[in-house]
Protein backbone atom coordinates (compact mmCIF):
# COMPACT_ATOMS: atom_id res chain seq x y z
CA MET A 1 150.98 175.00 67.22
CA ASP A 2 147.30 175.46 66.41
CA GLU A 3 144.96 175.61 69.36
CA PHE A 4 142.17 173.07 69.58
CA THR A 5 139.11 173.03 71.79
CA PRO A 6 138.49 170.05 74.10
CA GLU A 7 135.57 169.18 71.81
CA GLU A 8 137.82 169.09 68.72
CA LEU A 9 140.35 166.89 70.52
CA GLU A 10 137.59 164.51 71.59
CA GLN A 11 136.09 164.39 68.10
CA GLY A 12 139.53 163.60 66.71
CA ARG A 13 139.93 160.79 69.23
CA ILE A 14 136.56 159.30 68.27
CA LEU A 15 137.26 159.60 64.53
CA PHE A 16 140.61 157.81 64.76
CA ALA A 17 139.14 155.12 67.00
CA ARG A 18 137.09 153.97 64.00
CA PRO A 19 138.28 150.88 62.07
CA ALA A 20 141.36 151.43 59.91
CA THR A 21 142.35 148.98 57.19
CA PHE A 22 145.16 148.56 54.68
CA VAL A 23 143.80 149.15 51.17
CA MET A 24 146.70 148.64 48.80
CA GLY A 25 150.32 149.41 48.00
CA CYS A 26 151.02 151.03 44.63
CA ALA A 27 154.31 150.80 42.77
CA LYS A 28 152.98 152.64 39.68
CA ILE A 29 150.89 155.78 39.36
CA GLU A 30 148.28 153.88 37.32
CA GLN A 31 147.55 151.64 40.31
CA LEU A 32 146.32 154.41 42.61
CA PRO A 33 142.78 154.00 43.97
CA ASP A 34 140.07 156.30 42.69
CA PRO A 35 140.33 159.80 44.23
CA ASP A 36 136.95 159.54 45.96
CA LEU A 37 137.94 160.29 49.58
CA PRO A 38 139.96 163.08 51.20
CA GLU A 39 143.56 162.03 51.79
CA VAL A 40 146.46 163.09 53.96
CA ALA A 41 149.93 161.77 53.24
CA PHE A 42 152.93 161.14 55.47
CA ALA A 43 156.45 161.66 54.18
CA GLY A 44 159.88 161.65 55.76
CA ARG A 45 163.34 160.24 55.89
CA SER A 46 163.76 156.51 56.28
CA ASN A 47 163.64 155.52 59.94
CA VAL A 48 161.92 158.77 61.01
CA GLY A 49 159.06 156.81 62.57
CA LYS A 50 156.33 157.03 59.91
CA SER A 51 154.90 153.57 60.58
CA SER A 52 154.90 154.15 64.33
CA LEU A 53 153.14 157.49 63.91
CA ILE A 54 150.42 156.08 61.62
CA ASN A 55 149.90 153.15 63.99
CA GLY A 56 149.77 155.55 66.93
CA LEU A 57 147.16 157.74 65.25
CA VAL A 58 144.74 154.84 64.80
CA GLY A 59 145.68 152.98 67.98
CA MET A 60 146.83 149.84 66.16
CA HIS A 61 150.22 148.17 66.48
CA LYS A 62 150.56 146.60 63.04
CA LEU A 63 148.50 148.60 60.54
CA ALA A 64 151.60 150.17 58.97
CA ARG A 65 154.56 147.83 59.02
CA ALA A 66 157.61 149.17 60.75
CA SER A 67 160.95 147.80 59.65
CA ASN A 68 164.44 147.75 61.06
CA GLU A 69 165.70 148.14 57.51
CA PRO A 70 165.47 151.82 56.48
CA GLY A 71 163.81 152.45 53.15
CA ARG A 72 161.57 149.42 53.13
CA THR A 73 158.51 151.50 52.23
CA ARG A 74 158.98 151.65 48.48
CA GLU A 75 155.36 151.91 47.47
CA VAL A 76 152.63 154.44 48.09
CA ASN A 77 150.57 152.65 50.75
CA PHE A 78 146.90 153.52 51.32
CA PHE A 79 144.94 152.99 54.54
CA ASP A 80 141.18 153.55 54.83
CA LEU A 81 139.78 155.13 57.99
CA ASP A 82 136.22 153.77 58.07
CA GLY A 83 135.33 155.31 54.72
CA LYS A 84 135.95 158.83 56.08
CA MET A 85 139.43 159.44 54.65
CA ARG A 86 142.60 157.74 53.53
CA LEU A 87 145.98 157.90 55.24
CA VAL A 88 148.80 157.61 52.70
CA ASP A 89 152.30 156.41 53.52
CA LEU A 90 154.77 157.78 50.96
CA PRO A 91 158.14 156.14 50.19
CA GLY A 92 160.89 157.23 52.57
CA TYR A 93 163.93 159.12 51.37
CA GLY A 94 167.57 159.29 52.36
CA TRP A 95 168.30 155.59 51.88
CA ALA A 96 171.93 154.68 52.28
CA LYS A 97 171.69 151.12 50.94
CA ALA A 98 169.40 151.46 47.92
CA SER A 99 170.78 151.97 44.42
CA LYS A 100 170.37 155.39 42.82
CA SER A 101 168.02 154.00 40.17
CA THR A 102 165.81 152.43 42.85
CA VAL A 103 165.74 155.64 44.85
CA LYS A 104 164.83 157.69 41.77
CA LYS A 105 162.05 155.30 40.79
CA PHE A 106 160.23 155.57 44.10
CA GLN A 107 160.91 159.26 44.61
CA ASP A 108 159.41 159.89 41.15
CA LEU A 109 156.37 157.84 42.16
CA GLY A 110 155.95 160.00 45.25
CA ARG A 111 156.29 163.18 43.19
CA ASP A 112 153.73 161.98 40.64
CA TYR A 113 151.29 161.30 43.45
CA LEU A 114 151.85 164.77 44.95
CA ARG A 115 151.35 166.56 41.65
CA GLY A 116 148.24 164.84 40.45
CA ARG A 117 146.15 163.89 43.48
CA VAL A 118 143.12 166.17 43.61
CA THR A 119 141.88 164.74 46.91
CA LEU A 120 145.18 165.28 48.75
CA LYS A 121 144.49 167.81 51.50
CA ARG A 122 147.90 167.98 53.17
CA VAL A 123 151.25 166.25 53.47
CA TYR A 124 152.67 165.76 56.95
CA LEU A 125 156.45 165.81 56.66
CA LEU A 126 157.97 163.93 59.57
CA ILE A 127 161.28 165.15 60.99
CA ASP A 128 163.20 163.44 63.79
CA SER A 129 163.15 165.96 66.65
CA ARG A 130 166.62 164.84 67.77
CA HIS A 131 168.15 166.08 64.52
CA GLY A 132 165.78 168.77 63.21
CA LEU A 133 165.78 169.77 59.55
CA LYS A 134 168.85 168.54 57.67
CA LYS A 135 170.19 169.09 54.17
CA VAL A 136 168.68 165.77 53.07
CA ASP A 137 165.23 167.21 53.88
CA ASP A 138 165.68 170.20 51.56
CA GLU A 139 164.91 168.16 48.45
CA ALA A 140 161.61 167.01 49.96
CA LEU A 141 160.70 170.56 51.01
CA ASP A 142 161.56 171.85 47.52
CA ALA A 143 159.46 169.11 45.89
CA LEU A 144 156.47 169.95 48.09
CA ASP A 145 156.81 173.67 47.36
CA LEU A 146 157.09 172.92 43.64
CA ALA A 147 153.99 170.70 43.73
CA ALA A 148 152.18 173.51 45.59
CA VAL A 149 150.83 170.98 48.08
CA SER A 150 150.08 172.23 51.57
CA TYR A 151 152.44 170.51 54.00
CA GLN A 152 153.05 170.62 57.73
CA ILE A 153 156.09 169.58 59.73
CA VAL A 154 155.57 166.96 62.43
CA LEU A 155 158.48 166.39 64.80
CA THR A 156 158.77 162.75 65.91
CA LYS A 157 160.44 160.92 68.81
CA ALA A 158 160.15 163.88 71.19
CA ASP A 159 160.35 161.46 74.14
CA LYS A 160 164.05 161.03 73.30
CA LEU A 161 164.78 164.70 74.07
CA LYS A 162 165.60 166.33 77.37
CA LYS A 163 163.05 168.63 78.94
CA GLY A 164 162.78 171.95 77.08
CA GLU A 165 164.67 170.77 73.99
CA ALA A 166 161.53 169.99 71.99
CA GLU A 167 160.33 173.59 72.23
CA LYS A 168 163.70 174.83 70.93
CA VAL A 169 163.62 172.45 67.95
CA GLN A 170 159.99 173.39 67.29
CA ALA A 171 160.85 177.12 67.22
CA ALA A 172 163.91 176.57 65.01
CA THR A 173 161.91 174.44 62.57
CA LEU A 174 159.12 176.99 62.36
CA LYS A 175 161.66 179.72 61.60
CA ALA A 176 163.35 177.58 58.94
CA ILE A 177 160.13 177.03 56.98
CA SER A 178 158.70 180.52 57.48
CA LYS A 179 159.46 181.65 53.93
CA ARG A 180 158.52 178.44 52.16
CA PRO A 181 155.35 179.06 50.13
CA ALA A 182 153.51 175.78 50.72
CA ALA A 183 154.50 175.21 54.37
CA TYR A 184 151.68 175.42 56.91
CA PRO A 185 152.88 177.76 59.71
CA ALA A 186 152.56 175.38 62.65
CA VAL A 187 154.84 172.57 63.83
CA ILE A 188 153.43 169.66 65.85
CA VAL A 189 155.70 167.88 68.34
CA THR A 190 154.87 164.20 68.81
CA SER A 191 155.93 160.98 70.46
CA ALA A 192 154.23 157.88 69.10
CA GLU A 193 155.65 155.92 72.02
CA LYS A 194 154.30 158.23 74.74
CA GLY A 195 151.29 159.56 72.84
CA ASP A 196 152.42 163.19 73.11
CA GLY A 197 150.98 165.44 70.41
CA MET A 198 148.80 162.70 68.96
CA PRO A 199 145.46 164.24 70.06
CA GLU A 200 146.47 167.52 68.42
CA LEU A 201 147.59 165.78 65.22
CA ARG A 202 144.29 163.86 65.01
CA ALA A 203 142.35 167.10 65.47
CA GLU A 204 144.54 168.84 62.86
CA ILE A 205 143.91 166.08 60.31
CA MET A 206 140.19 166.11 61.04
CA ARG A 207 140.07 169.89 60.58
CA THR A 208 142.16 169.73 57.39
CA THR A 209 140.14 166.99 55.67
CA GLY A 210 136.74 168.22 56.84
CA ALA A 211 135.95 164.64 57.88
CA GLU A 212 132.89 164.27 60.05
CA LEU A 213 131.98 161.68 62.64
């Protein structure tokens, strides 16, 4: 994991304490807002904890809507962080209940966004720390490599692991992505419930986007 100074961690905390608002959900590429702010996007399997992570970053319970039904996020959702940057929630993948045509439609939307978004600074690919990288994640990794978009793995739900297990999953994940061309060589371990890793992730996003207080 990248090292951050106490000052960087504090600046990240202050930045993400600013007002965050839902901007819009887009079901078609033509609906995307103008690319006038730096953006970071969050991707991952359905039920990996994307909504909880986004809510945890900004300290709000209901900014991103969590659902008990996997695969509910079927639009590209945009959130504005006080005019400094946008947080983008991409459609989840790995749905068991959605039809193949529905899955393809929203995966294509996500791919179109990745390919053509000039203000996209990085994609944070969320992986459940209890399971690590699975075969279902390979397609997402391949798509990110193909789009040549910088992406970074964020392990979620680390509070569900026994002591010492998170470090093992972190090391294994880092090794697995070591030869992928677009993968950023650092893995952040988080728990939205406990707040673990959130200061580092805020600082990482701030550093990546170049956002200033």
